[in-house]
Amino acid sequence: MRPFVALEKLMRLITGTGSSREVRLPPGYSLERSDPDVLVLRSPDCAAVARFSARGATAEAIEQEARTHYRERNQTA
């Protein structure tokens, strides 16, 4: 199984240009939108991994941060 398979319900990120793109996150990661100005990337244990401006965030930046955290978290010692 590939580690970055999209979740069943893909989240949508609306960018400032009005276009939308699906954000593909590793298993268990989520994007919290409780604050209209800030997006919070959360790991499977609900810890905040990164925060992004809701206006300037790109799907690519969120995905990259999630992948980096996922790899670091799952490295074997």
N, C-alpha and C. Protein backbone atom coordinates (compact mmCIF):
# COMPACT_ATOMS: atom_id res chain seq x y z
N MET A 1 0.84 -1.19 0.00
CA MET A 1 0.00 0.00 0.00
C MET A 1 0.88 1.24 0.00
N ARG A 2 0.60 2.19 -0.87
CA ARG A 2 1.36 3.42 -0.93
C ARG A 2 1.01 4.30 0.25
N PRO A 3 2.01 4.93 0.91
CA PRO A 3 1.74 5.71 2.13
C PRO A 3 0.96 6.99 1.90
N PHE A 4 0.92 7.52 0.70
CA PHE A 4 0.27 8.81 0.49
C PHE A 4 -1.03 8.69 -0.31
N VAL A 5 -1.68 7.55 -0.17
CA VAL A 5 -2.96 7.37 -0.84
C VAL A 5 -3.93 8.40 -0.28
N ALA A 6 -4.67 9.04 -1.17
CA ALA A 6 -5.60 10.08 -0.74
C ALA A 6 -6.66 9.50 0.18
N LEU A 7 -7.09 10.29 1.14
CA LEU A 7 -8.15 9.88 2.05
C LEU A 7 -9.45 9.74 1.28
N GLU A 8 -10.39 8.96 1.82
CA GLU A 8 -11.66 8.76 1.14
C GLU A 8 -12.34 10.08 0.83
N LYS A 9 -12.38 10.95 1.80
CA LYS A 9 -12.99 12.26 1.58
C LYS A 9 -11.87 13.27 1.48
N LEU A 10 -11.54 13.66 0.26
CA LEU A 10 -10.45 14.61 0.06
C LEU A 10 -10.90 16.00 0.46
N MET A 11 -10.01 16.71 1.13
CA MET A 11 -10.32 18.07 1.54
C MET A 11 -10.07 19.02 0.38
N ARG A 12 -10.83 20.06 0.33
CA ARG A 12 -10.66 21.06 -0.72
C ARG A 12 -10.04 22.31 -0.12
N LEU A 13 -9.09 22.84 -0.83
CA LEU A 13 -8.45 24.09 -0.43
C LEU A 13 -8.83 25.14 -1.47
N ILE A 14 -9.47 26.19 -1.02
CA ILE A 14 -9.86 27.27 -1.92
C ILE A 14 -8.77 28.32 -1.84
N THR A 15 -8.16 28.60 -2.96
CA THR A 15 -7.08 29.58 -2.99
C THR A 15 -7.64 30.96 -3.27
N GLY A 16 -6.84 31.98 -3.08
CA GLY A 16 -7.27 33.35 -3.29
C GLY A 16 -7.69 33.66 -4.71
N THR A 17 -7.26 32.84 -5.67
CA THR A 17 -7.60 33.08 -7.07
C THR A 17 -8.97 32.52 -7.43
N GLY A 18 -9.60 31.83 -6.49
CA GLY A 18 -10.93 31.29 -6.76
C GLY A 18 -10.90 29.88 -7.31
N SER A 19 -9.71 29.34 -7.59
CA SER A 19 -9.63 27.97 -8.07
C SER A 19 -9.56 27.02 -6.88
N SER A 20 -9.93 25.78 -7.09
CA SER A 20 -9.86 24.82 -5.99
C SER A 20 -9.04 23.62 -6.45
N ARG A 21 -8.41 22.96 -5.49
CA ARG A 21 -7.60 21.79 -5.77
C ARG A 21 -7.68 20.89 -4.56
N GLU A 22 -7.73 19.60 -4.79
CA GLU A 22 -7.79 18.65 -3.68
C GLU A 22 -6.45 18.60 -2.97
N VAL A 23 -6.49 18.59 -1.66
CA VAL A 23 -5.29 18.45 -0.86
C VAL A 23 -5.17 16.99 -0.48
N ARG A 24 -4.07 16.37 -0.87
CA ARG A 24 -3.85 14.95 -0.57
C ARG A 24 -2.89 14.85 0.61
N LEU A 25 -3.39 14.27 1.68
CA LEU A 25 -2.62 14.16 2.91
C LEU A 25 -2.33 12.70 3.24
N PRO A 26 -1.22 12.45 3.95
CA PRO A 26 -0.93 11.08 4.39
C PRO A 26 -2.05 10.58 5.31
N PRO A 27 -2.14 9.27 5.50
CA PRO A 27 -3.19 8.70 6.35
C PRO A 27 -3.20 9.31 7.75
N GLY A 28 -4.39 9.71 8.20
CA GLY A 28 -4.55 10.23 9.55
C GLY A 28 -4.34 11.73 9.69
N TYR A 29 -3.75 12.37 8.70
CA TYR A 29 -3.52 13.82 8.78
C TYR A 29 -4.80 14.56 8.39
N SER A 30 -4.98 15.74 8.97
CA SER A 30 -6.19 16.52 8.67
C SER A 30 -5.85 18.00 8.60
N LEU A 31 -6.75 18.73 8.03
CA LEU A 31 -6.60 20.17 7.89
C LEU A 31 -7.74 20.84 8.64
N GLU A 32 -7.41 21.52 9.72
CA GLU A 32 -8.42 22.16 10.58
C GLU A 32 -8.69 23.58 10.07
N ARG A 33 -9.96 23.93 10.01
CA ARG A 33 -10.36 25.26 9.52
C ARG A 33 -11.24 25.98 10.53
N SER A 34 -11.00 25.80 11.82
CA SER A 34 -11.85 26.43 12.82
C SER A 34 -11.69 27.95 12.85
N ASP A 35 -10.55 28.45 12.43
CA ASP A 35 -10.31 29.89 12.33
C ASP A 35 -10.36 30.24 10.84
N PRO A 36 -11.18 31.21 10.44
CA PRO A 36 -11.31 31.52 9.01
C PRO A 36 -10.02 32.06 8.38
N ASP A 37 -9.07 32.52 9.17
CA ASP A 37 -7.84 33.09 8.64
C ASP A 37 -6.65 32.13 8.66
N VAL A 38 -6.78 31.02 9.38
CA VAL A 38 -5.65 30.11 9.58
C VAL A 38 -6.07 28.66 9.32
N LEU A 39 -5.23 27.94 8.56
CA LEU A 39 -5.41 26.51 8.36
C LEU A 39 -4.36 25.82 9.22
N VAL A 40 -4.77 24.81 9.98
CA VAL A 40 -3.84 24.09 10.84
C VAL A 40 -3.74 22.65 10.35
N LEU A 41 -2.52 22.25 10.00
CA LEU A 41 -2.27 20.87 9.61
C LEU A 41 -2.05 20.06 10.87
N ARG A 42 -2.82 18.99 11.04
CA ARG A 42 -2.72 18.16 12.25
C ARG A 42 -2.30 16.74 11.88
N SER A 43 -1.45 16.18 12.75
CA SER A 43 -0.98 14.81 12.58
C SER A 43 -2.03 13.84 13.13
N PRO A 44 -1.84 12.53 12.93
CA PRO A 44 -2.83 11.56 13.43
C PRO A 44 -3.09 11.64 14.93
N ASP A 45 -2.12 12.12 15.71
CA ASP A 45 -2.34 12.25 17.15
C ASP A 45 -2.90 13.63 17.52
N CYS A 46 -3.37 14.36 16.53
CA CYS A 46 -4.01 15.68 16.68
C CYS A 46 -3.05 16.82 17.02
N ALA A 47 -1.75 16.56 17.00
CA ALA A 47 -0.78 17.62 17.26
C ALA A 47 -0.71 18.56 16.05
N ALA A 48 -0.56 19.85 16.31
CA ALA A 48 -0.42 20.83 15.24
C ALA A 48 0.96 20.67 14.62
N VAL A 49 1.00 20.41 13.33
CA VAL A 49 2.26 20.23 12.59
C VAL A 49 2.71 21.56 12.00
N ALA A 50 1.76 22.30 11.42
CA ALA A 50 2.08 23.58 10.78
C ALA A 50 0.81 24.41 10.67
N ARG A 51 1.01 25.71 10.56
CA ARG A 51 -0.11 26.64 10.36
C ARG A 51 0.13 27.40 9.08
N PHE A 52 -0.95 27.67 8.35
CA PHE A 52 -0.88 28.36 7.08
C PHE A 52 -1.92 29.46 7.03
N SER A 53 -1.60 30.54 6.34
CA SER A 53 -2.58 31.59 6.08
C SER A 53 -3.65 31.02 5.16
N ALA A 54 -4.90 31.21 5.52
CA ALA A 54 -5.99 30.70 4.68
C ALA A 54 -6.01 31.38 3.32
N ARG A 55 -5.51 32.58 3.24
CA ARG A 55 -5.50 33.31 1.97
C ARG A 55 -4.35 32.91 1.06
N GLY A 56 -3.17 32.68 1.65
CA GLY A 56 -1.99 32.45 0.82
C GLY A 56 -1.52 31.02 0.72
N ALA A 57 -2.17 30.11 1.42
CA ALA A 57 -1.72 28.72 1.42
C ALA A 57 -1.97 28.06 0.08
N THR A 58 -1.02 27.22 -0.32
CA THR A 58 -1.21 26.43 -1.54
C THR A 58 -1.32 24.97 -1.14
N ALA A 59 -2.02 24.21 -1.95
CA ALA A 59 -2.15 22.78 -1.69
C ALA A 59 -0.77 22.13 -1.67
N GLU A 60 0.11 22.56 -2.57
CA GLU A 60 1.45 21.98 -2.66
C GLU A 60 2.23 22.19 -1.37
N ALA A 61 2.16 23.38 -0.79
CA ALA A 61 2.90 23.67 0.45
C ALA A 61 2.37 22.83 1.61
N ILE A 62 1.07 22.68 1.69
CA ILE A 62 0.47 21.88 2.77
C ILE A 62 0.85 20.41 2.60
N GLU A 63 0.76 19.90 1.38
CA GLU A 63 1.12 18.52 1.11
C GLU A 63 2.59 18.25 1.41
N GLN A 64 3.48 19.17 1.04
CA GLN A 64 4.91 19.00 1.29
C GLN A 64 5.20 18.93 2.78
N GLU A 65 4.59 19.83 3.54
CA GLU A 65 4.80 19.83 5.00
C GLU A 65 4.29 18.54 5.61
N ALA A 66 3.13 18.07 5.15
CA ALA A 66 2.57 16.82 5.67
C ALA A 66 3.46 15.63 5.33
N ARG A 67 3.95 15.56 4.09
CA ARG A 67 4.83 14.46 3.69
C ARG A 67 6.13 14.46 4.49
N THR A 68 6.71 15.65 4.67
CA THR A 68 7.96 15.76 5.43
C THR A 68 7.75 15.27 6.86
N HIS A 69 6.69 15.73 7.51
CA HIS A 69 6.40 15.31 8.88
C HIS A 69 6.14 13.80 8.94
N TYR A 70 5.39 13.30 7.99
CA TYR A 70 5.07 11.87 7.94
C TYR A 70 6.34 11.04 7.85
N ARG A 71 7.25 11.42 6.95
CA ARG A 71 8.51 10.68 6.80
C ARG A 71 9.34 10.73 8.08
N GLU A 72 9.48 11.93 8.67
CA GLU A 72 10.26 12.06 9.89
C GLU A 72 9.67 11.25 11.04
N ARG A 73 8.36 11.24 11.11
CA ARG A 73 7.65 10.54 12.18
C ARG A 73 7.79 9.02 12.04
N ASN A 74 7.89 8.54 10.81
CA ASN A 74 7.89 7.11 10.56
C ASN A 74 9.27 6.54 10.25
N GLN A 75 10.32 7.31 10.44
CA GLN A 75 11.67 6.78 10.24
C GLN A 75 11.99 5.78 11.33
N THR A 76 12.70 4.76 10.94
CA THR A 76 13.12 3.78 11.94
C THR A 76 14.42 4.25 12.58
N ALA A 77 14.56 3.97 13.84
CA ALA A 77 15.75 4.43 14.59
C ALA A 77 16.94 3.54 14.33
